[in-house]
Amino acid sequence: MLNEEREKFSISSIDKNPKFLPIGKDRPLLKEITITRDYSTSMRKDGNNVDIDEENAELTKNSIKYNVVSNQLAKELSLLKQAINGGR
């Protein structure tokens, strides 16, 4: 019985499950990545065309999303812990 349970959660069983990302050299997601250059913005003398205001706005947006999701997850885990402990 222990060996059967071990087999369910081995690397080979995870590798066969289509819900998981592939392990090893054959990673189709990496083959889809393409690098493009954006020439639609003006370039500074130092060769940089990054808009710091836009990057800061994206950083703020991502930080807010992260905080909301992590707080919600913490609340849900707290409720589960209370349920497991019988409300104590």
C-alpha atoms as a PDB file:
ATOM      1  CA  MET A   1       0.000   0.000   0.000  1.00  0.00           C
ATOM      2  CA  LEU A   2       2.820   2.416   0.828  1.00  0.00           C
ATOM      3  CA  ASN A   3       4.534   1.677  -2.480  1.00  0.00           C
ATOM      4  CA  GLU A   4       1.293   2.383  -4.362  1.00  0.00           C
ATOM      5  CA  GLU A   5       0.965   5.762  -2.645  1.00  0.00           C
ATOM      6  CA  ARG A   6       4.618   6.524  -3.321  1.00  0.00           C
ATOM      7  CA  GLU A   7       4.115   5.748  -7.020  1.00  0.00           C
ATOM      8  CA  LYS A   8       1.160   8.150  -7.220  1.00  0.00           C
ATOM      9  CA  PHE A   9       3.374  11.061  -6.212  1.00  0.00           C
ATOM     10  CA  SER A  10       6.659  10.150  -7.851  1.00  0.00           C
ATOM     11  CA  ILE A  11       8.340  12.375 -10.419  1.00  0.00           C
ATOM     12  CA  SER A  12       7.443   9.956 -13.210  1.00  0.00           C
ATOM     13  CA  SER A  13       3.733  10.120 -12.346  1.00  0.00           C
ATOM     14  CA  ILE A  14       3.853  13.921 -12.226  1.00  0.00           C
ATOM     15  CA  ASP A  15       5.668  13.978 -15.556  1.00  0.00           C
ATOM     16  CA  LYS A  16       2.885  11.874 -17.130  1.00  0.00           C
ATOM     17  CA  ASN A  17       0.118  14.143 -15.842  1.00  0.00           C
ATOM     18  CA  PRO A  18      -0.841  16.714 -18.533  1.00  0.00           C
ATOM     19  CA  LYS A  19      -1.754  19.269 -15.841  1.00  0.00           C
ATOM     20  CA  PHE A  20       1.902  19.661 -14.834  1.00  0.00           C
ATOM     21  CA  LEU A  21       4.637  21.446 -16.763  1.00  0.00           C
ATOM     22  CA  PRO A  22       7.114  19.057 -18.368  1.00  0.00           C
ATOM     23  CA  ILE A  23      10.324  18.230 -16.518  1.00  0.00           C
ATOM     24  CA  GLY A  24      13.626  17.964 -18.337  1.00  0.00           C
ATOM     25  CA  LYS A  25      14.936  19.156 -21.681  1.00  0.00           C
ATOM     26  CA  ASP A  26      11.681  19.044 -23.666  1.00  0.00           C
ATOM     27  CA  ARG A  27       9.913  22.185 -22.472  1.00  0.00           C
ATOM     28  CA  PRO A  28       7.521  23.413 -25.149  1.00  0.00           C
ATOM     29  CA  LEU A  29       6.747  26.626 -23.273  1.00  0.00           C
ATOM     30  CA  LEU A  30      10.347  27.755 -23.641  1.00  0.00           C
ATOM     31  CA  LYS A  31      10.183  27.266 -27.400  1.00  0.00           C
ATOM     32  CA  GLU A  32       7.310  29.758 -27.701  1.00  0.00           C
ATOM     33  CA  ILE A  33       9.255  32.684 -26.231  1.00  0.00           C
ATOM     34  CA  THR A  34      10.229  35.394 -28.693  1.00  0.00           C
ATOM     35  CA  ILE A  35      12.135  38.592 -28.041  1.00  0.00           C
ATOM     36  CA  THR A  36      10.929  41.720 -29.808  1.00  0.00           C
ATOM     37  CA  ARG A  37      12.199  45.268 -29.781  1.00  0.00           C
ATOM     38  CA  ASP A  38       9.772  48.139 -29.318  1.00  0.00           C
ATOM     39  CA  TYR A  39      10.703  51.027 -31.577  1.00  0.00           C
ATOM     40  CA  SER A  40       7.464  52.945 -30.964  1.00  0.00           C
ATOM     41  CA  THR A  41       8.913  54.898 -28.027  1.00  0.00           C
ATOM     42  CA  SER A  42      11.653  57.490 -28.096  1.00  0.00           C
ATOM     43  CA  MET A  43      15.145  56.429 -27.167  1.00  0.00           C
ATOM     44  CA  ARG A  44      17.312  58.412 -24.780  1.00  0.00           C
ATOM     45  CA  LYS A  45      20.962  59.171 -25.459  1.00  0.00           C
ATOM     46  CA  ASP A  46      22.026  56.235 -23.291  1.00  0.00           C
ATOM     47  CA  GLY A  47      20.065  53.819 -25.520  1.00  0.00           C
ATOM     48  CA  ASN A  48      17.320  53.183 -22.968  1.00  0.00           C
ATOM     49  CA  ASN A  49      13.666  53.620 -23.892  1.00  0.00           C
ATOM     50  CA  VAL A  50      12.100  52.353 -20.648  1.00  0.00           C
ATOM     51  CA  ASP A  51       9.292  54.588 -19.371  1.00  0.00           C
ATOM     52  CA  ILE A  52       9.904  54.656 -15.610  1.00  0.00           C
ATOM     53  CA  ASP A  53       6.415  56.037 -14.879  1.00  0.00           C
ATOM     54  CA  GLU A  54       4.772  53.190 -16.782  1.00  0.00           C
ATOM     55  CA  GLU A  55       6.990  50.617 -15.060  1.00  0.00           C
ATOM     56  CA  ASN A  56       6.190  52.069 -11.621  1.00  0.00           C
ATOM     57  CA  ALA A  57       2.461  52.011 -12.417  1.00  0.00           C
ATOM     58  CA  GLU A  58       2.707  48.322 -13.396  1.00  0.00           C
ATOM     59  CA  LEU A  59       4.731  47.565 -10.259  1.00  0.00           C
ATOM     60  CA  THR A  60       2.104  49.256  -8.091  1.00  0.00           C
ATOM     61  CA  LYS A  61      -0.712  47.387  -9.824  1.00  0.00           C
ATOM     62  CA  ASN A  62       1.050  44.045  -9.353  1.00  0.00           C
ATOM     63  CA  SER A  63       1.819  44.831  -5.702  1.00  0.00           C
ATOM     64  CA  ILE A  64      -1.832  45.601  -4.998  1.00  0.00           C
ATOM     65  CA  LYS A  65      -2.954  42.377  -6.701  1.00  0.00           C
ATOM     66  CA  TYR A  66      -0.372  40.365  -4.764  1.00  0.00           C
ATOM     67  CA  ASN A  67      -1.427  41.881  -1.433  1.00  0.00           C
ATOM     68  CA  VAL A  68      -5.125  41.251  -2.101  1.00  0.00           C
ATOM     69  CA  VAL A  69      -4.562  37.626  -3.111  1.00  0.00           C
ATOM     70  CA  SER A  70      -2.124  36.866  -0.286  1.00  0.00           C
ATOM     71  CA  ASN A  71      -4.457  38.409   2.322  1.00  0.00           C
ATOM     72  CA  GLN A  72      -7.405  36.420   0.982  1.00  0.00           C
ATOM     73  CA  LEU A  73      -5.351  33.226   1.042  1.00  0.00           C
ATOM     74  CA  ALA A  74      -4.252  33.919   4.622  1.00  0.00           C
ATOM     75  CA  LYS A  75      -7.896  34.380   5.665  1.00  0.00           C
ATOM     76  CA  GLU A  76      -8.939  31.130   3.986  1.00  0.00           C
ATOM     77  CA  LEU A  77      -6.074  29.220   5.593  1.00  0.00           C
ATOM     78  CA  SER A  78      -7.009  30.704   8.963  1.00  0.00           C
ATOM     79  CA  LEU A  79     -10.596  29.485   8.520  1.00  0.00           C
ATOM     80  CA  LEU A  80      -9.349  26.014   7.587  1.00  0.00           C
ATOM     81  CA  LYS A  81      -7.098  25.971  10.647  1.00  0.00           C
ATOM     82  CA  GLN A  82     -10.047  26.928  12.853  1.00  0.00           C
ATOM     83  CA  ALA A  83     -12.182  24.188  11.298  1.00  0.00           C
ATOM     84  CA  ILE A  84      -9.456  21.604  11.850  1.00  0.00           C
ATOM     85  CA  ASN A  85      -8.968  22.698  15.466  1.00  0.00           C
ATOM     86  CA  GLY A  86     -12.706  22.653  16.153  1.00  0.00           C
ATOM     87  CA  GLY A  87     -13.104  26.423  16.393  1.00  0.00           C
ATOM     88  CA  ARG A  88     -10.439  26.897  19.049  1.00  0.00           C
END
